[in-house]
């Protein structure tokens, strides 16, 4: 399947006039990373309650389990990536965790409560977004929602601004051991035109990219987690370079402003 995905992306890029320098893959599928647990590469340790909207998501299926991140957008909805929910039979949601294994609250939810975007395509990484309907949770200093961007901001590329990604993804490409502390990294948003120079036509209007410098990036285990700017959720962690997370190549996120209508129609949540 990975070979097929690479082939499709290559053909699409050439036909669209792009000659990509790299191939994009979901962090969950990255062969450069042997484990689905760890932390953001070369990031900073989060303080207690610094990211109350961040949740950990432990997915299970008949073929195995994996770890992703997600964002609380209301007391009954979590937003994450479609490549995280795909194939899962259930998820355990970890609320209020800074130390990953010490959640303030855990809720187990079956796949019947997943709302995966019907247009998600693993071959092109498009529409990589899902909602999870959750039991109602009480907001506290450790557990709280993050606001969605205003409709008016849909016209902004956010290029040049510094956003914050957080998660428990791998600390390096070679690391295979889990870390306990939530990590974060400040990353500069770049234009889609610049990102296309690396990944070609996989970069569409539904994607937002950040630059990776000094080996700071999202990585395996960060999938589905938040990219926040000025207290608003602007991205959902979607893909990195197939060559690894420390290559100083852009990292890609699902652009939340492109899916505000979809989120509202499926969950009723809007701002």
Protein backbone atom coordinates (compact mmCIF):
# COMPACT_ATOMS: atom_id res chain seq x y z
CA UNK A 1 0.00 0.00 0.00
CA UNK A 2 2.85 2.42 0.75
CA UNK A 3 4.34 1.75 -2.71
CA UNK A 4 0.98 2.50 -4.31
CA UNK A 5 0.64 5.72 -2.32
CA UNK A 6 4.07 6.94 -3.39
CA UNK A 7 3.31 6.13 -7.03
CA UNK A 8 0.02 8.00 -6.99
CA UNK A 9 1.59 11.05 -5.38
CA UNK A 10 4.43 11.07 -7.89
CA UNK A 11 2.15 10.80 -10.92
CA UNK A 12 -0.17 13.49 -9.56
CA UNK A 13 2.73 15.83 -8.86
CA UNK A 14 4.27 15.46 -12.32
CA UNK A 15 0.93 15.93 -14.08
CA UNK A 16 0.31 19.06 -12.00
CA UNK A 17 3.69 20.50 -12.97
CA UNK A 18 5.44 19.90 -9.65
CA UNK A 19 8.59 17.90 -9.15
CA UNK A 20 8.52 17.08 -5.44
CA UNK A 21 11.81 16.66 -3.61
CA UNK A 22 10.34 14.40 -0.96
CA UNK A 23 7.41 12.11 -0.18
CA UNK A 24 4.93 12.87 2.59
CA UNK A 25 3.70 10.16 4.97
CA UNK A 26 1.49 10.12 8.03
CA UNK A 27 3.63 9.97 11.19
CA UNK A 28 1.75 6.80 12.16
CA UNK A 29 3.00 5.13 8.94
CA UNK A 30 6.58 6.40 9.03
CA UNK A 31 9.02 3.52 8.51
CA UNK A 32 11.87 5.68 9.80
CA UNK A 33 10.34 5.50 13.25
CA UNK A 34 10.12 2.05 14.87
CA UNK A 35 7.70 3.02 17.64
CA UNK A 36 4.42 4.88 17.83
CA UNK A 37 5.31 6.38 21.16
CA UNK A 38 7.76 9.09 22.16
CA UNK A 39 7.67 12.86 21.79
CA UNK A 40 8.05 15.78 19.40
CA UNK A 41 11.61 15.79 18.09
CA UNK A 42 13.84 18.25 19.93
CA UNK A 43 10.89 19.99 21.57
CA UNK A 44 10.35 21.47 25.02
CA UNK A 45 8.75 19.83 28.04
CA UNK A 46 5.25 21.14 28.68
CA UNK A 47 4.37 22.60 32.05
CA UNK A 48 1.48 21.18 34.04
CA UNK A 49 -1.85 22.40 32.60
CA UNK A 50 -0.09 24.30 29.78
CA UNK A 51 -2.14 22.52 27.11
CA UNK A 52 -5.49 21.63 28.71
CA UNK A 53 -7.03 21.06 25.27
CA UNK A 54 -4.55 18.31 24.40
CA UNK A 55 -5.68 14.71 24.76
CA UNK A 56 -3.88 11.45 24.25
CA UNK A 57 -5.67 8.81 22.17
CA UNK A 58 -4.88 5.12 22.57
CA UNK A 59 -6.51 3.32 19.65
CA UNK A 60 -7.05 -0.44 19.45
CA UNK A 61 -8.02 -2.79 16.65
CA UNK A 62 -7.97 -6.50 15.91
CA UNK A 63 -4.54 -6.04 14.34
CA UNK A 64 -2.88 -3.95 17.02
CA UNK A 65 -2.83 -0.60 18.80
CA UNK A 66 -1.41 2.87 18.24
CA UNK A 67 -1.12 6.26 19.89
CA UNK A 68 -2.28 9.62 18.56
CA UNK A 69 -3.10 13.06 19.85
CA UNK A 70 -6.28 15.09 19.66
CA UNK A 71 -7.85 18.40 20.65
CA UNK A 72 -10.89 19.08 22.81
CA UNK A 73 -13.23 21.41 20.88
CA UNK A 74 -16.25 21.04 23.18
CA UNK A 75 -17.17 19.03 26.26
CA UNK A 76 -18.47 16.23 23.99
CA UNK A 77 -16.17 16.38 20.94
CA UNK A 78 -12.50 15.72 20.20
CA UNK A 79 -10.88 16.57 16.86
CA UNK A 80 -8.11 14.35 15.47
CA UNK A 81 -6.79 12.93 12.18
CA UNK A 82 -8.60 10.46 9.94
CA UNK A 83 -5.46 8.33 9.66
CA UNK A 84 -5.70 7.87 13.44
CA UNK A 85 -9.31 6.67 13.54
CA UNK A 86 -8.99 4.55 10.40
CA UNK A 87 -9.21 0.84 11.21
CA UNK A 88 -9.71 1.32 14.94
CA UNK A 89 -12.41 -0.47 16.91
CA UNK A 90 -12.17 1.76 19.99
CA UNK A 91 -10.14 4.51 21.64
CA UNK A 92 -9.25 5.38 25.21
CA UNK A 93 -9.07 9.14 25.65
CA UNK A 94 -6.54 10.50 28.13
CA UNK A 95 -7.66 13.89 29.47
CA UNK A 96 -5.55 16.35 31.47
CA UNK A 97 -2.27 14.52 31.02
CA UNK A 98 1.10 16.18 31.19
CA UNK A 99 2.66 12.93 32.26
CA UNK A 100 1.13 10.67 29.64
CA UNK A 101 0.27 7.76 31.93
CA UNK A 102 -1.22 9.99 34.63
CA UNK A 103 -4.44 11.23 33.09
CA UNK A 104 -6.85 13.22 35.22
CA UNK A 105 -9.63 11.35 33.42
CA UNK A 106 -9.99 8.45 30.97
CA UNK A 107 -12.93 7.63 28.72
CA UNK A 108 -13.24 4.63 26.39
CA UNK A 109 -15.22 5.20 23.20
CA UNK A 110 -16.19 2.71 20.47
CA UNK A 111 -15.70 3.34 16.76
CA UNK A 112 -19.45 3.93 16.41
CA UNK A 113 -18.71 7.39 17.86
CA UNK A 114 -16.07 8.21 15.24
CA UNK A 115 -16.98 10.66 12.48
CA UNK A 116 -14.26 10.21 9.88
CA UNK A 117 -14.29 12.53 6.86
CA UNK A 118 -15.84 10.59 3.98
CA UNK A 119 -13.34 12.10 1.55
CA UNK A 120 -10.24 10.90 3.39
CA UNK A 121 -7.76 9.23 1.03
CA UNK A 122 -4.65 7.61 2.40
CA UNK A 123 -3.06 7.62 -1.06
CA UNK A 124 -3.08 11.42 -1.30
CA UNK A 125 -3.32 12.27 2.44
CA UNK A 126 -6.34 14.42 1.66
CA UNK A 127 -9.17 15.28 4.09
CA UNK A 128 -7.19 13.88 7.01
CA UNK A 129 -9.65 14.82 9.74
CA UNK A 130 -11.98 13.02 12.15
CA UNK A 131 -14.26 13.81 15.05
CA UNK A 132 -14.84 11.65 18.12
CA UNK A 133 -18.09 12.00 20.07
CA UNK A 134 -17.27 11.65 23.74
CA UNK A 135 -19.13 11.42 27.04
CA UNK A 136 -19.55 14.91 28.49
CA UNK A 137 -16.54 16.07 30.47
CA UNK A 138 -16.35 18.84 33.06
CA UNK A 139 -13.86 21.56 32.23
CA UNK A 140 -11.16 22.32 34.80
CA UNK A 141 -7.77 24.00 34.84
CA UNK A 142 -6.34 20.73 33.44
CA UNK A 143 -9.11 19.88 30.95
CA UNK A 144 -10.55 22.52 28.65
CA UNK A 145 -11.42 23.20 25.04
CA UNK A 146 -9.51 25.13 22.41
CA UNK A 147 -11.46 27.51 20.21
CA UNK A 148 -11.82 27.01 16.49
CA UNK A 149 -10.75 29.87 14.20
CA UNK A 150 -13.32 32.41 13.08
CA UNK A 151 -14.79 32.01 9.59
CA UNK A 152 -13.17 35.33 8.68
CA UNK A 153 -9.71 33.80 9.21
CA UNK A 154 -10.40 31.27 6.44
CA UNK A 155 -8.78 33.73 4.04
CA UNK A 156 -5.55 33.89 6.01
CA UNK A 157 -2.64 31.62 5.12
CA UNK A 158 -1.02 32.29 8.55
CA UNK A 159 2.35 32.24 6.73
CA UNK A 160 5.14 33.84 8.74
CA UNK A 161 3.37 33.41 12.06
CA UNK A 162 4.64 31.17 14.86
CA UNK A 163 2.32 28.37 15.96
CA UNK A 164 2.67 25.72 18.66
CA UNK A 165 2.46 21.96 18.08
CA UNK A 166 2.19 19.60 21.03
CA UNK A 167 2.13 15.87 21.62
CA UNK A 168 3.85 12.76 22.88
CA UNK A 169 5.49 11.91 19.53
CA UNK A 170 9.02 10.56 19.13
CA UNK A 171 11.99 12.54 20.39
CA UNK A 172 14.17 11.45 17.44
CA UNK A 173 14.05 9.19 14.41
CA UNK A 174 16.16 6.58 16.18
CA UNK A 175 14.29 6.64 19.47
CA UNK A 176 12.05 3.65 20.15
CA UNK A 177 11.30 4.21 23.83
CA UNK A 178 8.30 6.05 25.19
CA UNK A 179 8.59 9.31 27.05
CA UNK A 180 6.26 10.31 29.83
CA UNK A 181 6.08 14.08 29.44
CA UNK A 182 4.05 16.11 26.97
CA UNK A 183 6.28 18.05 24.57
CA UNK A 184 5.75 21.13 22.44
CA UNK A 185 7.56 23.06 19.73
CA UNK A 186 7.16 26.55 18.31
CA UNK A 187 7.13 26.30 14.52
CA UNK A 188 6.82 28.94 11.81
CA UNK A 189 3.98 28.56 9.32
CA UNK A 190 5.12 28.67 5.69
CA UNK A 191 3.12 29.27 2.53
CA UNK A 192 1.69 26.35 0.59
CA UNK A 193 3.75 27.43 -2.43
CA UNK A 194 6.95 26.95 -0.44
CA UNK A 195 5.70 23.61 0.94
CA UNK A 196 4.88 22.42 -2.59
CA UNK A 197 8.55 22.74 -3.48
CA UNK A 198 9.17 19.81 -1.14
CA UNK A 199 6.02 17.69 -1.42
CA UNK A 200 4.41 18.69 -4.72
CA UNK A 201 0.68 18.48 -5.35
CA UNK A 202 -0.09 16.70 -2.07
CA UNK A 203 -0.10 20.28 -0.73
CA UNK A 204 -3.63 21.53 -1.37
CA UNK A 205 -5.74 24.33 0.09
CA UNK A 206 -6.79 21.93 2.86
CA UNK A 207 -3.22 21.67 4.15
CA UNK A 208 -1.10 24.00 6.28
CA UNK A 209 2.67 23.54 6.60
CA UNK A 210 5.33 24.59 9.07
CA UNK A 211 9.07 24.87 8.62
CA UNK A 212 11.30 22.44 10.48
CA UNK A 213 14.61 23.89 11.66
CA UNK A 214 17.20 22.58 14.10
CA UNK A 215 15.49 19.18 13.75
CA UNK A 216 12.33 20.42 15.50
CA UNK A 217 9.25 18.73 14.07
CA UNK A 218 6.21 16.61 14.74
CA UNK A 219 6.89 12.87 14.61
CA UNK A 220 5.39 9.43 15.06
CA UNK A 221 2.94 9.52 17.97
CA UNK A 222 2.00 13.16 17.36
CA UNK A 223 -0.56 12.30 14.65
CA UNK A 224 -3.90 14.04 15.10
CA UNK A 225 -2.57 16.50 17.65
CA UNK A 226 -3.02 20.27 17.67
CA UNK A 227 -1.30 23.15 15.95
CA UNK A 228 -2.40 26.27 17.82
CA UNK A 229 -2.02 29.97 17.07
CA UNK A 230 -3.11 32.70 19.49
CA UNK A 231 -5.38 30.30 21.34
CA UNK A 232 -7.07 28.98 18.19
CA UNK A 233 -6.77 25.52 16.63
CA UNK A 234 -5.45 26.02 13.09
CA UNK A 235 -4.02 22.57 12.30
CA UNK A 236 -4.28 18.82 12.92
CA UNK A 237 -0.99 16.91 12.69
CA UNK A 238 -1.08 14.97 9.42
CA UNK A 239 2.26 14.19 7.73
CA UNK A 240 6.05 14.44 7.75
CA UNK A 241 8.86 13.49 5.37
CA UNK A 242 9.14 9.79 4.55
CA UNK A 243 12.87 10.20 5.17
CA UNK A 244 12.32 10.99 8.84
CA UNK A 245 11.25 13.70 11.26
CA UNK A 246 14.68 15.27 11.72
CA UNK A 247 15.35 16.10 8.07
CA UNK A 248 14.51 19.80 8.47
CA UNK A 249 11.80 19.44 5.82
CA UNK A 250 8.31 20.91 6.30
CA UNK A 251 5.68 19.13 8.38
CA UNK A 252 2.05 19.10 7.25
CA UNK A 253 -1.23 19.61 9.08
CA UNK A 254 -4.87 19.51 8.05
CA UNK A 255 -5.93 23.16 7.76
CA UNK A 256 -8.81 23.58 10.22
CA UNK A 257 -10.21 26.69 8.53
CA UNK A 258 -10.90 24.59 5.43
CA UNK A 259 -13.15 22.27 7.47
CA UNK A 260 -15.13 24.65 9.68
CA UNK A 261 -18.38 23.94 7.81
CA UNK A 262 -17.74 20.17 8.00
CA UNK A 263 -17.04 20.36 11.74
CA UNK A 264 -20.16 22.42 12.32
CA UNK A 265 -22.38 20.07 10.25
CA UNK A 266 -21.14 16.94 12.04
CA UNK A 267 -20.78 18.20 15.61
CA UNK A 268 -22.61 21.50 15.87
CA UNK A 269 -19.42 23.13 17.15
CA UNK A 270 -18.51 26.52 15.67
CA UNK A 271 -17.02 29.85 16.73
